[in-house]
Amino acid sequence: MTFLASAKKLQTAWKLTTHALPRLAKAPGLYRSKLYPFCLPLEFAGFNLFHEIRDEALDTFASRGILWHSSALQGLPSNHLCSSQVFAVNLFFPFVHRPEALAALLRPHFPDLARMLPVEDNLYVSFEWIGDYNYLGEIPKLGIDRHRGAGNTSIDAAMMYETTDGRRVMLLVETKYSESYGVSYKRFRSDGSDRVACYRDFYYAGNSPIDITLVPKIEDHLYEPFYQMLRQTLLATQIVETGIPDVDRVLVVHVYAKTNRELTAVTSPPLRQFGRDAYEVWQHLLVDPSTFVPLPAEELFKAAPLDDFPDLEPWRLYLSQRYSFLK
């Protein structure tokens, strides 16, 4: 059984037994014209979010024009219980106003962390972050303006911290839950435009983060998840290059379900010579491998020393019951 198939079964069982959902939300939900037990009825899509963060998360996304992935009703998240965007919000939104707790969550994996810094508007986690500057010169795919969450490179959850020696570090956090990727070449969009065009100059620049002696052809990266990691890594380099925001170092962090083995398959045929695990391959291709941090969600959750933050106990209980792979 694939991880996704297992996740659907586990989410269905949680949906039918949890006290976190009203009775009417336990019915099958319509998703792309079919009813599924692992989806919520459309009108209950908001209940895909942990109840303590639900209202503020919805308001935050609405006020910043952040798009919910696979949303069927405007202003509401996807009704699919296996949504990775929903998982990211459920995992990190409780920390947007809790810098000390967020520091405690991250410090086991970033031991140089002294204190968290706000990313925007005094929020310590910024969702679907694109910044105020078009770092990669991407042409928006949804009209003339860039949108957070679709049509350009968006970061699931951006965070910043100050190190023990006073440097500023930005984390570009991508959150993976039930994804897997086939061998599908992503060079051209449905309208015929070339996906790689705006990234080519960054790839071959003197400060390229990719060791192009290993992969001389940028086209070899145009398979997911490598295409996504390429854009995130180029973005990280350009943030430091432009100085917007003022940080000394930017790390790309993938928080992922370690038990989802399908996720890390090496989908690019030319890159298979470098290994069998996509994250290990990606680190091997970087000039500085330490700028990419694969972080299992299981380890992030289990290692969190949050005993000093008893107000987060309902969140811990919710995540462990709903996303049982975290236990």
Protein backbone atom coordinates (compact mmCIF):
# COMPACT_ATOMS: atom_id res chain seq x y z
CA MET A 1 0.00 0.00 0.00
CA THR A 2 1.30 3.44 -0.87
CA PHE A 3 1.71 6.12 1.79
CA LEU A 4 -1.12 8.12 0.21
CA ALA A 5 -3.50 5.15 0.26
CA SER A 6 -2.63 4.54 3.89
CA ALA A 7 -3.05 8.22 4.73
CA LYS A 8 -6.51 8.25 3.16
CA LYS A 9 -7.57 5.28 5.30
CA LEU A 10 -6.16 6.81 8.48
CA GLN A 11 -7.71 10.22 7.80
CA THR A 12 -11.06 8.58 7.12
CA ALA A 13 -10.86 6.71 10.43
CA TRP A 14 -9.93 9.94 12.24
CA LYS A 15 -12.80 11.79 10.60
CA LEU A 16 -15.36 9.21 11.67
CA THR A 17 -14.16 8.92 15.27
CA THR A 18 -12.84 12.35 16.27
CA HIS A 19 -14.72 14.79 18.48
CA ALA A 20 -13.03 17.66 16.61
CA LEU A 21 -15.64 17.55 13.84
CA PRO A 22 -19.41 18.12 13.98
CA ARG A 23 -21.60 15.16 13.03
CA LEU A 24 -22.56 16.56 9.61
CA ALA A 25 -18.87 16.99 8.70
CA LYS A 26 -18.39 13.23 8.86
CA ALA A 27 -20.28 12.64 5.60
CA PRO A 28 -18.31 12.03 2.38
CA GLY A 29 -17.07 15.18 0.67
CA LEU A 30 -17.18 16.25 -2.96
CA TYR A 31 -13.72 16.56 -4.50
CA ARG A 32 -13.27 17.12 -8.24
CA SER A 33 -16.79 15.89 -9.02
CA LYS A 34 -16.66 12.71 -6.90
CA LEU A 35 -17.59 11.93 -3.31
CA TYR A 36 -14.83 10.57 -1.07
CA PRO A 37 -14.82 9.48 2.59
CA PHE A 38 -11.39 11.13 3.11
CA CYS A 39 -12.80 14.55 2.20
CA LEU A 40 -15.04 16.87 4.19
CA PRO A 41 -18.34 18.17 2.83
CA LEU A 42 -17.48 21.43 1.07
CA GLU A 43 -19.31 23.65 3.54
CA PHE A 44 -17.19 22.16 6.35
CA ALA A 45 -13.82 22.71 4.63
CA GLY A 46 -12.79 25.15 7.36
CA PHE A 47 -12.87 22.25 9.82
CA ASN A 48 -9.78 20.89 8.05
CA LEU A 49 -7.91 23.29 10.34
CA PHE A 50 -7.20 22.78 14.05
CA HIS A 51 -9.99 24.59 15.90
CA GLU A 52 -7.69 26.85 17.96
CA ILE A 53 -6.13 28.38 14.83
CA ARG A 54 -9.06 28.14 12.41
CA ASP A 55 -10.48 31.65 12.53
CA GLU A 56 -7.16 33.47 12.61
CA ALA A 57 -5.67 31.30 9.87
CA LEU A 58 -8.64 31.95 7.60
CA ASP A 59 -8.46 35.69 8.34
CA THR A 60 -4.69 35.76 7.76
CA PHE A 61 -4.96 34.05 4.39
CA ALA A 62 -7.85 36.30 3.34
CA SER A 63 -6.26 39.59 4.41
CA ARG A 64 -2.99 38.78 2.62
CA GLY A 65 -4.58 37.38 -0.51
CA ILE A 66 -3.06 33.95 0.09
CA LEU A 67 -4.59 31.22 -2.06
CA TRP A 68 -5.69 27.91 -0.60
CA HIS A 69 -4.60 24.99 -2.78
CA SER A 70 -7.41 22.93 -4.34
CA SER A 71 -10.03 25.09 -2.67
CA ALA A 72 -13.58 24.61 -3.91
CA LEU A 73 -15.08 27.51 -1.94
CA GLN A 74 -13.48 30.94 -1.88
CA GLY A 75 -11.74 31.76 1.37
CA LEU A 76 -11.71 28.16 2.62
CA PRO A 77 -8.95 25.53 2.49
CA SER A 78 -9.14 22.32 0.55
CA ASN A 79 -11.64 19.83 1.92
CA HIS A 80 -9.17 16.98 1.25
CA LEU A 81 -7.91 15.65 4.57
CA CYS A 82 -4.53 14.71 3.04
CA SER A 83 -3.77 18.27 1.89
CA SER A 84 -0.12 19.17 2.50
CA GLN A 85 -0.92 22.87 2.70
CA VAL A 86 -3.45 22.16 5.44
CA PHE A 87 -0.85 19.98 7.18
CA ALA A 88 1.63 22.89 7.03
CA VAL A 89 -0.88 25.31 8.56
CA ASN A 90 -1.93 22.86 11.26
CA LEU A 91 1.72 22.19 12.07
CA PHE A 92 3.11 25.73 12.14
CA PHE A 93 0.30 28.27 12.56
CA PRO A 94 0.12 27.84 16.37
CA PHE A 95 3.61 29.40 16.48
CA VAL A 96 2.93 32.64 14.56
CA HIS A 97 2.71 34.57 17.87
CA ARG A 98 4.89 32.25 19.98
CA PRO A 99 8.57 32.95 19.21
CA GLU A 100 9.86 31.19 22.33
CA ALA A 101 7.87 28.04 21.59
CA LEU A 102 8.89 28.15 17.92
CA ALA A 103 12.54 28.45 18.99
CA ALA A 104 12.08 25.40 21.24
CA LEU A 105 10.55 23.47 18.32
CA LEU A 106 13.41 24.29 15.95
CA ARG A 107 16.49 24.44 18.19
CA PRO A 108 17.11 20.65 18.34
CA HIS A 109 17.70 20.86 14.58
CA PHE A 110 19.26 24.33 14.40
CA PRO A 111 21.48 24.46 17.50
CA ASP A 112 22.86 27.91 16.67
CA LEU A 113 19.38 29.40 17.13
CA ALA A 114 19.31 32.11 19.81
CA ARG A 115 15.95 33.76 19.19
CA MET A 116 13.28 33.95 16.53
CA LEU A 117 12.77 37.10 14.45
CA PRO A 118 9.46 38.23 12.92
CA VAL A 119 9.07 37.70 9.18
CA GLU A 120 6.21 40.11 8.48
CA ASP A 121 3.82 42.22 10.57
CA ASN A 122 5.18 40.79 13.84
CA LEU A 123 4.34 37.26 12.70
CA TYR A 124 7.03 34.65 13.27
CA VAL A 125 5.77 32.31 10.54
CA SER A 126 4.77 33.63 7.12
CA PHE A 127 2.74 31.31 4.92
CA GLU A 128 3.05 31.05 1.13
CA TRP A 129 5.80 33.66 1.33
CA ILE A 130 6.95 35.33 -1.90
CA GLY A 131 8.50 38.50 -0.49
CA ASP A 132 8.06 42.03 -1.77
CA TYR A 133 10.64 41.55 -4.51
CA ASN A 134 10.42 39.30 -7.58
CA TYR A 135 13.78 37.63 -6.95
CA LEU A 136 13.70 35.26 -9.91
CA GLY A 137 11.93 37.51 -12.41
CA GLU A 138 9.02 35.10 -12.62
CA ILE A 139 6.11 36.06 -14.85
CA PRO A 140 2.86 35.69 -12.87
CA LYS A 141 0.52 33.05 -14.23
CA LEU A 142 -2.63 34.53 -12.67
CA GLY A 143 -2.87 38.03 -14.14
CA ILE A 144 -0.36 40.85 -13.87
CA ASP A 145 0.26 40.57 -10.11
CA ARG A 146 2.06 37.84 -8.21
CA HIS A 147 -0.09 35.78 -5.86
CA ARG A 148 0.94 34.02 -2.69
CA GLY A 149 0.27 30.34 -3.15
CA ALA A 150 -0.04 29.98 -6.91
CA GLY A 151 1.53 31.05 -10.20
CA ASN A 152 5.05 31.65 -8.87
CA THR A 153 7.51 30.24 -6.36
CA SER A 154 5.84 30.43 -2.94
CA ILE A 155 7.33 29.14 0.30
CA ASP A 156 4.99 27.13 2.52
CA ALA A 157 6.31 28.66 5.75
CA ALA A 158 9.08 31.26 6.01
CA MET A 159 10.84 31.84 9.36
CA MET A 160 13.84 33.84 10.57
CA TYR A 161 16.14 33.59 13.54
CA GLU A 162 19.20 35.19 15.05
CA THR A 163 22.13 32.93 15.83
CA THR A 164 24.15 32.80 19.02
CA ASP A 165 26.88 34.86 17.31
CA GLY A 166 24.46 37.51 15.99
CA ARG A 167 23.93 36.38 12.39
CA ARG A 168 20.49 36.35 10.79
CA VAL A 169 19.23 33.15 9.18
CA MET A 170 16.10 32.70 7.07
CA LEU A 171 14.38 29.33 6.72
CA LEU A 172 12.39 28.58 3.56
CA VAL A 173 10.27 25.67 4.78
CA GLU A 174 8.51 23.34 2.35
CA THR A 175 6.12 20.89 3.98
CA LYS A 176 5.42 17.48 2.45
CA TYR A 177 2.80 15.01 3.62
CA SER A 178 1.32 12.57 1.10
CA GLU A 179 2.98 13.64 -2.17
CA SER A 180 4.69 11.38 -4.64
CA TYR A 181 5.94 12.22 -8.11
CA GLY A 182 6.06 10.32 -11.36
CA VAL A 183 8.62 10.62 -14.15
CA SER A 184 7.00 13.59 -15.85
CA TYR A 185 9.12 16.14 -17.72
CA LYS A 186 8.07 19.70 -16.77
CA ARG A 187 9.87 21.74 -19.46
CA PHE A 188 6.79 23.25 -21.11
CA ARG A 189 3.52 24.52 -19.65
CA SER A 190 0.13 23.81 -21.18
CA ASP A 191 0.30 27.17 -23.01
CA GLY A 192 3.62 26.18 -24.58
CA SER A 193 5.78 28.56 -22.52
CA ASP A 194 9.19 27.38 -21.35
CA ARG A 195 9.36 26.85 -17.59
CA VAL A 196 13.13 27.06 -17.46
CA ALA A 197 13.61 30.36 -19.31
CA CYS A 198 13.65 32.74 -16.35
CA TYR A 199 15.85 30.47 -14.21
CA ARG A 200 18.60 29.81 -16.75
CA ASP A 201 20.76 32.87 -16.02
CA PHE A 202 20.62 32.20 -12.26
CA TYR A 203 21.60 28.58 -12.80
CA TYR A 204 24.69 29.40 -14.82
CA ALA A 205 25.71 32.52 -12.85
CA GLY A 206 29.02 32.66 -11.02
CA ASN A 207 27.21 32.42 -7.67
CA SER A 208 25.03 29.48 -8.71
CA PRO A 209 24.26 27.24 -5.72
CA ILE A 210 24.31 24.19 -8.02
CA ASP A 211 27.54 22.42 -8.96
CA ILE A 212 27.06 22.67 -12.70
CA THR A 213 30.12 20.51 -13.32
CA LEU A 214 27.93 17.65 -12.09
CA VAL A 215 24.75 18.72 -13.91
CA PRO A 216 25.67 20.96 -16.86
CA LYS A 217 22.10 20.91 -18.20
CA ILE A 218 19.45 22.77 -16.21
CA GLU A 219 16.84 20.72 -18.07
CA ASP A 220 17.88 17.64 -16.07
CA HIS A 221 16.14 19.19 -13.04
CA LEU A 222 12.75 19.55 -14.70
CA TYR A 223 11.14 16.64 -12.92
CA GLU A 224 9.36 17.07 -9.60
CA PRO A 225 10.46 17.35 -6.86
CA PHE A 226 13.79 18.51 -8.35
CA TYR A 227 12.19 21.37 -10.28
CA GLN A 228 10.70 22.67 -7.05
CA MET A 229 13.96 22.28 -5.10
CA LEU A 230 15.81 24.05 -7.92
CA ARG A 231 13.55 27.10 -7.72
CA GLN A 232 13.68 27.22 -3.93
CA THR A 233 17.47 26.94 -3.93
CA LEU A 234 17.89 29.66 -6.56
CA LEU A 235 15.48 31.82 -4.56
CA ALA A 236 17.53 31.33 -1.40
CA THR A 237 20.66 32.49 -3.21
CA GLN A 238 18.95 35.58 -4.59
CA ILE A 239 17.58 36.59 -1.18
CA VAL A 240 21.14 36.76 0.14
CA GLU A 241 22.35 38.45 -3.06
CA THR A 242 19.73 41.23 -2.96
CA GLY A 243 19.79 41.70 0.81
CA ILE A 244 15.98 41.70 0.94
CA PRO A 245 15.39 40.92 3.74
CA ASP A 246 18.69 41.57 5.48
CA VAL A 247 19.93 38.08 6.29
CA ASP A 248 23.34 36.43 6.30
CA ARG A 249 22.21 32.96 5.30
CA VAL A 250 19.14 31.27 3.83
CA LEU A 251 18.40 27.57 4.27
CA VAL A 252 15.88 25.54 2.29
CA VAL A 253 14.19 23.12 4.70
CA HIS A 254 11.93 20.26 3.64
CA VAL A 255 9.76 19.02 6.49
CA TYR A 256 8.41 15.69 5.27
CA ALA A 257 6.84 12.43 6.33
CA LYS A 258 9.81 10.09 6.58
CA THR A 259 7.55 7.06 6.21
CA ASN A 260 6.41 8.36 2.80
CA ARG A 261 9.08 6.54 0.83
CA GLU A 262 7.42 7.31 -2.51
CA LEU A 263 8.16 11.00 -1.96
CA THR A 264 11.93 10.66 -2.21
CA ALA A 265 12.10 8.56 -5.37
CA VAL A 266 14.62 9.94 -7.86
CA THR A 267 12.34 10.87 -10.75
CA SER A 268 14.88 12.54 -13.06
CA PRO A 269 16.57 9.83 -15.17
CA PRO A 270 19.81 11.86 -15.61
CA LEU A 271 20.10 12.34 -11.82
CA ARG A 272 19.74 8.68 -10.88
CA GLN A 273 23.49 8.22 -11.19
CA PHE A 274 23.87 10.28 -7.98
CA GLY A 275 21.76 8.10 -5.69
CA ARG A 276 18.39 6.58 -4.86
CA ASP A 277 17.04 9.21 -2.46
CA ALA A 278 15.94 12.56 -3.92
CA TYR A 279 17.03 14.57 -0.89
CA GLU A 280 20.46 12.94 -0.72
CA VAL A 281 20.89 13.52 -4.45
CA TRP A 282 19.96 17.18 -4.08
CA GLN A 283 22.47 17.76 -1.31
CA HIS A 284 25.13 16.07 -3.43
CA LEU A 285 24.48 18.54 -6.28
CA LEU A 286 24.84 21.67 -4.16
CA VAL A 287 27.99 23.76 -3.87
CA ASP A 288 27.18 24.02 -0.15
CA PRO A 289 25.17 20.92 0.87
CA SER A 290 24.44 22.43 4.31
CA THR A 291 22.07 24.98 2.75
CA PHE A 292 19.48 22.21 2.17
CA VAL A 293 18.01 20.57 5.26
CA PRO A 294 15.71 17.53 4.92
CA LEU A 295 13.89 17.34 8.25
CA PRO A 296 11.51 14.45 8.99
CA ALA A 297 8.28 15.75 10.49
CA GLU A 298 8.33 12.80 12.88
CA GLU A 299 11.64 14.01 14.34
CA LEU A 300 10.55 17.64 14.45
CA PHE A 301 7.40 16.71 16.35
CA LYS A 302 8.88 14.13 18.73
CA ALA A 303 11.98 16.12 19.64
CA ALA A 304 10.11 19.32 20.43
CA PRO A 305 10.79 20.21 24.11
CA LEU A 306 7.45 21.92 24.58
CA ASP A 307 6.80 20.95 28.20
CA ASP A 308 7.31 24.60 29.14
CA PHE A 309 4.38 25.55 26.90
CA PRO A 310 1.32 23.72 28.31
CA ASP A 311 -1.03 25.85 26.17
CA LEU A 312 0.23 23.87 23.17
CA GLU A 313 -0.87 20.52 24.59
CA PRO A 314 -4.24 20.54 22.69
CA TRP A 315 -2.27 21.13 19.46
CA ARG A 316 0.12 18.28 20.24
CA LEU A 317 -2.80 15.94 20.97
CA TYR A 318 -4.66 16.99 17.80
CA LEU A 319 -1.65 16.39 15.56
CA SER A 320 -0.78 13.05 17.09
CA GLN A 321 -4.35 11.81 16.68
CA ARG A 322 -4.98 13.17 13.20
CA TYR A 323 -1.52 12.61 11.68
CA SER A 324 -0.74 9.32 13.37
CA PHE A 325 2.57 8.87 11.51
CA LEU A 326 3.95 11.58 13.84
CA LYS A 327 3.61 9.33 16.90
